[in-house]
Amino acid sequence: MSQIPTWWLVLSTIVFATNAILILALAVAVFKMANLVQDMKPKVEALVGKVDGVATKVDGLATTLQTTAQHLAPRVEGFAGSASSMANVTSKIFERYAPILGIALTGLKVLSAFRDYRSAKKMEEEPRKELARH
């Protein structure tokens, strides 16, 4: 029979010891994590209660908003219809009187240009009159 080399036995012992230490460390970590989870459980339950309360309030607000929107919808539609009617009537009136308004504004511009022309002509005549006097 052949003998197992010494280095193999040493290496196997090191691997076995390392595995035993790592398994023990893992067991300790799992135990500490379990304690940590048990400590956090009341906090999580309190947060769940608060979240449920907030969800209930949001549900109530959504219901109230939906009810309000349903009550306001006919009024808003009526208001929009009235505004549309007023805009339609106003545009028809403007279309009817737009040519008259255009003529009136053109007349005002012509009148303004005539006044400017007369005032410019008077300013030109004043220096001539003063020169004639002297």
N, C-alpha and C. Protein backbone atom coordinates (compact mmCIF):
# COMPACT_ATOMS: atom_id res chain seq x y z
N MET A 1 0.81 -1.18 0.00
CA MET A 1 0.00 0.00 0.00
C MET A 1 0.85 1.24 0.00
N SER A 2 0.26 2.26 -0.60
CA SER A 2 1.00 3.50 -0.66
C SER A 2 0.58 4.39 0.50
N GLN A 3 1.51 5.17 0.91
CA GLN A 3 1.24 6.08 2.02
C GLN A 3 0.81 7.44 1.51
N ILE A 4 -0.03 8.13 2.31
CA ILE A 4 -0.48 9.47 1.97
C ILE A 4 0.66 10.42 2.33
N PRO A 5 0.98 11.33 1.40
CA PRO A 5 2.07 12.25 1.71
C PRO A 5 1.69 13.18 2.86
N THR A 6 2.69 13.59 3.59
CA THR A 6 2.50 14.44 4.75
C THR A 6 1.93 15.79 4.35
N TRP A 7 2.42 16.37 3.29
CA TRP A 7 1.93 17.68 2.86
C TRP A 7 0.45 17.63 2.55
N TRP A 8 -0.04 16.49 2.05
CA TRP A 8 -1.46 16.34 1.75
C TRP A 8 -2.27 16.34 3.03
N LEU A 9 -1.79 15.65 4.05
CA LEU A 9 -2.46 15.61 5.36
C LEU A 9 -2.49 17.01 5.99
N VAL A 10 -1.40 17.73 5.89
CA VAL A 10 -1.34 19.09 6.44
C VAL A 10 -2.32 19.99 5.69
N LEU A 11 -2.33 19.91 4.38
CA LEU A 11 -3.23 20.73 3.58
C LEU A 11 -4.70 20.38 3.88
N SER A 12 -5.01 19.11 4.00
CA SER A 12 -6.37 18.69 4.33
C SER A 12 -6.78 19.18 5.71
N THR A 13 -5.86 19.15 6.67
CA THR A 13 -6.15 19.63 8.02
C THR A 13 -6.43 21.14 7.99
N ILE A 14 -5.64 21.89 7.20
CA ILE A 14 -5.84 23.34 7.11
C ILE A 14 -7.19 23.64 6.47
N VAL A 15 -7.55 22.94 5.41
CA VAL A 15 -8.83 23.17 4.75
C VAL A 15 -9.98 22.80 5.69
N PHE A 16 -9.86 21.68 6.40
CA PHE A 16 -10.91 21.28 7.34
C PHE A 16 -11.07 22.32 8.46
N ALA A 17 -9.98 22.79 9.02
CA ALA A 17 -10.04 23.78 10.10
C ALA A 17 -10.64 25.09 9.59
N THR A 18 -10.23 25.49 8.39
CA THR A 18 -10.76 26.72 7.81
C THR A 18 -12.26 26.60 7.58
N ASN A 19 -12.71 25.46 7.05
CA ASN A 19 -14.15 25.24 6.85
C ASN A 19 -14.90 25.27 8.17
N ALA A 20 -14.35 24.66 9.21
CA ALA A 20 -15.00 24.64 10.51
C ALA A 20 -15.12 26.06 11.06
N ILE A 21 -14.06 26.86 10.91
CA ILE A 21 -14.08 28.24 11.41
C ILE A 21 -15.10 29.07 10.62
N LEU A 22 -15.13 28.91 9.29
CA LEU A 22 -16.06 29.68 8.47
C LEU A 22 -17.52 29.29 8.76
N ILE A 23 -17.78 28.01 8.98
CA ILE A 23 -19.14 27.59 9.31
C ILE A 23 -19.54 28.15 10.67
N LEU A 24 -18.64 28.15 11.64
CA LEU A 24 -18.93 28.73 12.95
C LEU A 24 -19.18 30.23 12.82
N ALA A 25 -18.38 30.95 12.00
CA ALA A 25 -18.58 32.39 11.81
C ALA A 25 -19.91 32.66 11.13
N LEU A 26 -20.27 31.81 10.16
CA LEU A 26 -21.55 31.96 9.49
C LEU A 26 -22.71 31.74 10.47
N ALA A 27 -22.59 30.78 11.35
CA ALA A 27 -23.64 30.52 12.35
C ALA A 27 -23.78 31.72 13.28
N VAL A 28 -22.68 32.32 13.69
CA VAL A 28 -22.72 33.50 14.57
C VAL A 28 -23.36 34.67 13.83
N ALA A 29 -23.02 34.86 12.56
CA ALA A 29 -23.60 35.96 11.78
C ALA A 29 -25.10 35.77 11.60
N VAL A 30 -25.54 34.55 11.33
CA VAL A 30 -26.97 34.28 11.19
C VAL A 30 -27.69 34.56 12.50
N PHE A 31 -27.09 34.17 13.63
CA PHE A 31 -27.70 34.42 14.93
C PHE A 31 -27.83 35.92 15.21
N LYS A 32 -26.78 36.69 14.89
CA LYS A 32 -26.83 38.14 15.11
C LYS A 32 -27.86 38.79 14.17
N MET A 33 -27.93 38.31 12.93
CA MET A 33 -28.92 38.85 12.00
C MET A 33 -30.34 38.56 12.47
N ALA A 34 -30.55 37.39 13.03
CA ALA A 34 -31.87 37.04 13.55
C ALA A 34 -32.25 37.98 14.69
N ASN A 35 -31.31 38.28 15.57
CA ASN A 35 -31.57 39.23 16.67
C ASN A 35 -31.86 40.62 16.12
N LEU A 36 -31.11 41.03 15.10
CA LEU A 36 -31.32 42.34 14.49
C LEU A 36 -32.71 42.42 13.86
N VAL A 37 -33.11 41.38 13.18
CA VAL A 37 -34.43 41.35 12.56
C VAL A 37 -35.51 41.40 13.64
N GLN A 38 -35.31 40.69 14.73
CA GLN A 38 -36.29 40.72 15.83
C GLN A 38 -36.39 42.11 16.45
N ASP A 39 -35.26 42.83 16.52
CA ASP A 39 -35.28 44.20 17.05
C ASP A 39 -35.98 45.16 16.10
N MET A 40 -35.88 44.91 14.80
CA MET A 40 -36.49 45.81 13.81
C MET A 40 -37.97 45.51 13.59
N LYS A 41 -38.43 44.37 14.02
CA LYS A 41 -39.81 43.97 13.76
C LYS A 41 -40.84 44.97 14.31
N PRO A 42 -40.72 45.47 15.54
CA PRO A 42 -41.70 46.47 16.02
C PRO A 42 -41.67 47.77 15.21
N LYS A 43 -40.49 48.19 14.81
CA LYS A 43 -40.39 49.41 14.01
C LYS A 43 -41.07 49.22 12.65
N VAL A 44 -40.86 48.08 12.04
CA VAL A 44 -41.48 47.80 10.75
C VAL A 44 -43.00 47.74 10.90
N GLU A 45 -43.48 47.11 11.97
CA GLU A 45 -44.93 47.04 12.19
C GLU A 45 -45.52 48.43 12.41
N ALA A 46 -44.80 49.30 13.10
CA ALA A 46 -45.28 50.67 13.30
C ALA A 46 -45.34 51.41 11.95
N LEU A 47 -44.33 51.21 11.13
CA LEU A 47 -44.33 51.85 9.82
C LEU A 47 -45.45 51.31 8.93
N VAL A 48 -45.74 50.02 9.04
CA VAL A 48 -46.83 49.45 8.26
C VAL A 48 -48.15 50.09 8.67
N GLY A 49 -48.33 50.31 9.97
CA GLY A 49 -49.55 50.97 10.45
C GLY A 49 -49.66 52.38 9.90
N LYS A 50 -48.55 53.11 9.91
CA LYS A 50 -48.57 54.48 9.37
C LYS A 50 -48.87 54.49 7.87
N VAL A 51 -48.26 53.56 7.15
CA VAL A 51 -48.48 53.49 5.70
C VAL A 51 -49.94 53.14 5.41
N ASP A 52 -50.52 52.26 6.21
CA ASP A 52 -51.93 51.93 6.03
C ASP A 52 -52.80 53.17 6.27
N GLY A 53 -52.46 53.95 7.30
CA GLY A 53 -53.20 55.18 7.57
C GLY A 53 -53.09 56.17 6.43
N VAL A 54 -51.89 56.33 5.89
CA VAL A 54 -51.69 57.24 4.77
C VAL A 54 -52.46 56.74 3.54
N ALA A 55 -52.43 55.44 3.31
CA ALA A 55 -53.16 54.89 2.17
C ALA A 55 -54.66 55.12 2.31
N THR A 56 -55.16 55.00 3.53
CA THR A 56 -56.58 55.26 3.77
C THR A 56 -56.91 56.72 3.50
N LYS A 57 -56.06 57.63 3.96
CA LYS A 57 -56.29 59.06 3.72
C LYS A 57 -56.23 59.38 2.23
N VAL A 58 -55.28 58.81 1.52
CA VAL A 58 -55.16 59.06 0.08
C VAL A 58 -56.39 58.52 -0.64
N ASP A 59 -56.86 57.36 -0.19
CA ASP A 59 -58.08 56.80 -0.78
C ASP A 59 -59.26 57.75 -0.58
N GLY A 60 -59.39 58.29 0.64
CA GLY A 60 -60.47 59.23 0.92
C GLY A 60 -60.35 60.49 0.07
N LEU A 61 -59.13 61.00 -0.06
CA LEU A 61 -58.91 62.19 -0.88
C LEU A 61 -59.24 61.93 -2.35
N ALA A 62 -58.87 60.76 -2.84
CA ALA A 62 -59.18 60.43 -4.22
C ALA A 62 -60.68 60.35 -4.44
N THR A 63 -61.38 59.77 -3.47
CA THR A 63 -62.83 59.68 -3.58
C THR A 63 -63.46 61.07 -3.55
N THR A 64 -63.00 61.91 -2.64
CA THR A 64 -63.51 63.28 -2.55
C THR A 64 -63.24 64.05 -3.85
N LEU A 65 -62.03 63.89 -4.38
CA LEU A 65 -61.67 64.58 -5.61
C LEU A 65 -62.54 64.10 -6.77
N GLN A 66 -62.78 62.82 -6.82
CA GLN A 66 -63.61 62.29 -7.90
C GLN A 66 -65.04 62.82 -7.78
N THR A 67 -65.57 62.86 -6.57
CA THR A 67 -66.92 63.37 -6.35
C THR A 67 -67.00 64.85 -6.73
N THR A 68 -66.00 65.62 -6.31
CA THR A 68 -65.97 67.04 -6.64
C THR A 68 -65.89 67.25 -8.15
N ALA A 69 -65.05 66.46 -8.80
CA ALA A 69 -64.93 66.59 -10.26
C ALA A 69 -66.24 66.23 -10.95
N GLN A 70 -66.94 65.24 -10.44
CA GLN A 70 -68.22 64.87 -11.05
C GLN A 70 -69.26 65.97 -10.85
N HIS A 71 -69.22 66.64 -9.70
CA HIS A 71 -70.18 67.72 -9.46
C HIS A 71 -69.83 68.97 -10.27
N LEU A 72 -68.55 69.22 -10.46
CA LEU A 72 -68.14 70.43 -11.17
C LEU A 72 -68.17 70.28 -12.68
N ALA A 73 -68.12 69.06 -13.17
CA ALA A 73 -68.05 68.84 -14.63
C ALA A 73 -69.20 69.52 -15.38
N PRO A 74 -70.46 69.37 -14.95
CA PRO A 74 -71.53 70.06 -15.70
C PRO A 74 -71.39 71.58 -15.66
N ARG A 75 -70.97 72.10 -14.51
CA ARG A 75 -70.81 73.56 -14.40
C ARG A 75 -69.71 74.06 -15.32
N VAL A 76 -68.61 73.32 -15.35
CA VAL A 76 -67.48 73.71 -16.20
C VAL A 76 -67.88 73.62 -17.67
N GLU A 77 -68.62 72.57 -18.02
CA GLU A 77 -69.07 72.44 -19.40
C GLU A 77 -69.99 73.59 -19.77
N GLY A 78 -70.88 73.96 -18.84
CA GLY A 78 -71.77 75.10 -19.10
C GLY A 78 -71.00 76.39 -19.26
N PHE A 79 -70.01 76.59 -18.39
CA PHE A 79 -69.18 77.80 -18.48
C PHE A 79 -68.40 77.83 -19.79
N ALA A 80 -67.85 76.69 -20.17
CA ALA A 80 -67.10 76.62 -21.42
C ALA A 80 -68.03 76.88 -22.61
N GLY A 81 -69.25 76.35 -22.55
CA GLY A 81 -70.21 76.60 -23.62
C GLY A 81 -70.58 78.07 -23.71
N SER A 82 -70.77 78.70 -22.53
CA SER A 82 -71.09 80.13 -22.51
C SER A 82 -69.94 80.96 -23.08
N ALA A 83 -68.73 80.62 -22.68
CA ALA A 83 -67.57 81.36 -23.18
C ALA A 83 -67.43 81.19 -24.69
N SER A 84 -67.69 79.99 -25.16
CA SER A 84 -67.61 79.75 -26.60
C SER A 84 -68.68 80.55 -27.34
N SER A 85 -69.88 80.58 -26.79
CA SER A 85 -70.96 81.35 -27.42
C SER A 85 -70.61 82.84 -27.45
N MET A 86 -70.09 83.35 -26.32
CA MET A 86 -69.73 84.76 -26.27
C MET A 86 -68.63 85.07 -27.28
N ALA A 87 -67.65 84.19 -27.41
CA ALA A 87 -66.58 84.42 -28.37
C ALA A 87 -67.12 84.40 -29.78
N ASN A 88 -68.05 83.51 -30.05
CA ASN A 88 -68.65 83.42 -31.38
C ASN A 88 -69.42 84.69 -31.71
N VAL A 89 -70.24 85.15 -30.77
CA VAL A 89 -71.03 86.38 -30.99
C VAL A 89 -70.10 87.57 -31.16
N THR A 90 -69.08 87.66 -30.32
CA THR A 90 -68.14 88.78 -30.41
C THR A 90 -67.43 88.78 -31.76
N SER A 91 -67.02 87.61 -32.22
CA SER A 91 -66.33 87.57 -33.51
C SER A 91 -67.26 87.96 -34.64
N LYS A 92 -68.53 87.57 -34.57
CA LYS A 92 -69.48 87.98 -35.62
C LYS A 92 -69.70 89.48 -35.61
N ILE A 93 -69.82 90.07 -34.42
CA ILE A 93 -69.99 91.52 -34.33
C ILE A 93 -68.76 92.23 -34.88
N PHE A 94 -67.58 91.73 -34.51
CA PHE A 94 -66.35 92.34 -35.00
C PHE A 94 -66.26 92.22 -36.51
N GLU A 95 -66.65 91.06 -37.06
CA GLU A 95 -66.63 90.90 -38.51
C GLU A 95 -67.57 91.89 -39.18
N ARG A 96 -68.70 92.16 -38.55
CA ARG A 96 -69.68 93.08 -39.12
C ARG A 96 -69.14 94.50 -39.14
N TYR A 97 -68.48 94.92 -38.06
CA TYR A 97 -68.04 96.30 -37.95
C TYR A 97 -66.56 96.50 -38.29
N ALA A 98 -65.86 95.46 -38.68
CA ALA A 98 -64.43 95.58 -38.99
C ALA A 98 -64.17 96.55 -40.15
N PRO A 99 -64.92 96.53 -41.24
CA PRO A 99 -64.65 97.51 -42.31
C PRO A 99 -64.85 98.95 -41.84
N ILE A 100 -65.90 99.18 -41.06
CA ILE A 100 -66.15 100.54 -40.56
C ILE A 100 -65.01 100.98 -39.65
N LEU A 101 -64.57 100.06 -38.79
CA LEU A 101 -63.48 100.37 -37.88
C LEU A 101 -62.19 100.64 -38.67
N GLY A 102 -61.96 99.87 -39.73
CA GLY A 102 -60.78 100.09 -40.57
C GLY A 102 -60.82 101.45 -41.24
N ILE A 103 -61.99 101.82 -41.74
CA ILE A 103 -62.12 103.13 -42.39
C ILE A 103 -61.90 104.24 -41.37
N ALA A 104 -62.46 104.09 -40.18
CA ALA A 104 -62.30 105.12 -39.15
C ALA A 104 -60.84 105.28 -38.76
N LEU A 105 -60.13 104.16 -38.57
CA LEU A 105 -58.72 104.25 -38.19
C LEU A 105 -57.88 104.85 -39.33
N THR A 106 -58.21 104.50 -40.56
CA THR A 106 -57.50 105.10 -41.70
C THR A 106 -57.75 106.60 -41.75
N GLY A 107 -59.00 107.02 -41.49
CA GLY A 107 -59.31 108.45 -41.45
C GLY A 107 -58.53 109.16 -40.37
N LEU A 108 -58.41 108.53 -39.20
CA LEU A 108 -57.63 109.14 -38.13
C LEU A 108 -56.16 109.28 -38.51
N LYS A 109 -55.62 108.28 -39.20
CA LYS A 109 -54.22 108.38 -39.62
C LYS A 109 -54.03 109.49 -40.64
N VAL A 110 -54.98 109.61 -41.57
CA VAL A 110 -54.90 110.69 -42.58
C VAL A 110 -54.99 112.04 -41.89
N LEU A 111 -55.92 112.18 -40.96
CA LEU A 111 -56.09 113.43 -40.22
C LEU A 111 -54.82 113.77 -39.45
N SER A 112 -54.22 112.76 -38.81
CA SER A 112 -52.99 112.98 -38.05
C SER A 112 -51.86 113.41 -38.99
N ALA A 113 -51.77 112.76 -40.14
CA ALA A 113 -50.73 113.14 -41.11
C ALA A 113 -50.96 114.56 -41.60
N PHE A 114 -52.23 114.97 -41.83
CA PHE A 114 -52.54 116.33 -42.28
C PHE A 114 -52.15 117.35 -41.22
N ARG A 115 -52.44 117.03 -39.94
CA ARG A 115 -52.06 117.95 -38.84
C ARG A 115 -50.54 118.09 -38.77
N ASP A 116 -49.82 116.95 -38.90
CA ASP A 116 -48.37 117.02 -38.87
C ASP A 116 -47.84 117.87 -40.02
N TYR A 117 -48.45 117.73 -41.18
CA TYR A 117 -48.04 118.51 -42.35
C TYR A 117 -48.26 120.00 -42.10
N ARG A 118 -49.43 120.33 -41.54
CA ARG A 118 -49.73 121.75 -41.28
C ARG A 118 -48.80 122.33 -40.23
N SER A 119 -48.52 121.54 -39.16
CA SER A 119 -47.63 122.08 -38.13
C SER A 119 -46.21 122.23 -38.67
N ALA A 120 -45.78 121.32 -39.54
CA ALA A 120 -44.44 121.45 -40.14
C ALA A 120 -44.38 122.66 -41.06
N LYS A 121 -45.46 122.92 -41.79
CA LYS A 121 -45.50 124.06 -42.70
C LYS A 121 -45.49 125.37 -41.91
N LYS A 122 -46.23 125.40 -40.76
CA LYS A 122 -46.23 126.61 -39.94
C LYS A 122 -44.84 126.88 -39.40
N MET A 123 -44.12 125.84 -39.03
CA MET A 123 -42.77 126.04 -38.49
C MET A 123 -41.83 126.56 -39.57
N GLU A 124 -42.06 126.16 -40.80
CA GLU A 124 -41.22 126.67 -41.89
C GLU A 124 -41.54 128.14 -42.16
N GLU A 125 -42.80 128.57 -42.01
CA GLU A 125 -43.20 129.93 -42.31
C GLU A 125 -42.76 130.90 -41.23
N GLU A 126 -42.69 130.49 -39.98
CA GLU A 126 -42.31 131.39 -38.88
C GLU A 126 -40.92 131.98 -39.07
N PRO A 127 -39.91 131.20 -39.41
CA PRO A 127 -38.60 131.84 -39.61
C PRO A 127 -38.61 132.83 -40.77
N ARG A 128 -39.39 132.57 -41.81
CA ARG A 128 -39.47 133.50 -42.95
C ARG A 128 -40.10 134.82 -42.53
N LYS A 129 -41.13 134.73 -41.69
CA LYS A 129 -41.80 135.95 -41.23
C LYS A 129 -40.84 136.78 -40.37
N GLU A 130 -40.07 136.09 -39.55
CA GLU A 130 -39.15 136.83 -38.68
C GLU A 130 -38.05 137.51 -39.52
N LEU A 131 -37.60 136.83 -40.56
CA LEU A 131 -36.58 137.44 -41.42
C LEU A 131 -37.15 138.62 -42.17
N ALA A 132 -38.40 138.55 -42.55
CA ALA A 132 -39.03 139.65 -43.28
C ALA A 132 -39.21 140.85 -42.37
N ARG A 133 -39.41 140.71 -41.13
CA ARG A 133 -39.62 141.79 -40.18
C ARG A 133 -38.32 142.55 -39.95
N HIS A 134 -37.25 141.89 -39.99
CA HIS A 134 -35.98 142.55 -39.64
C HIS A 134 -35.44 143.25 -40.76
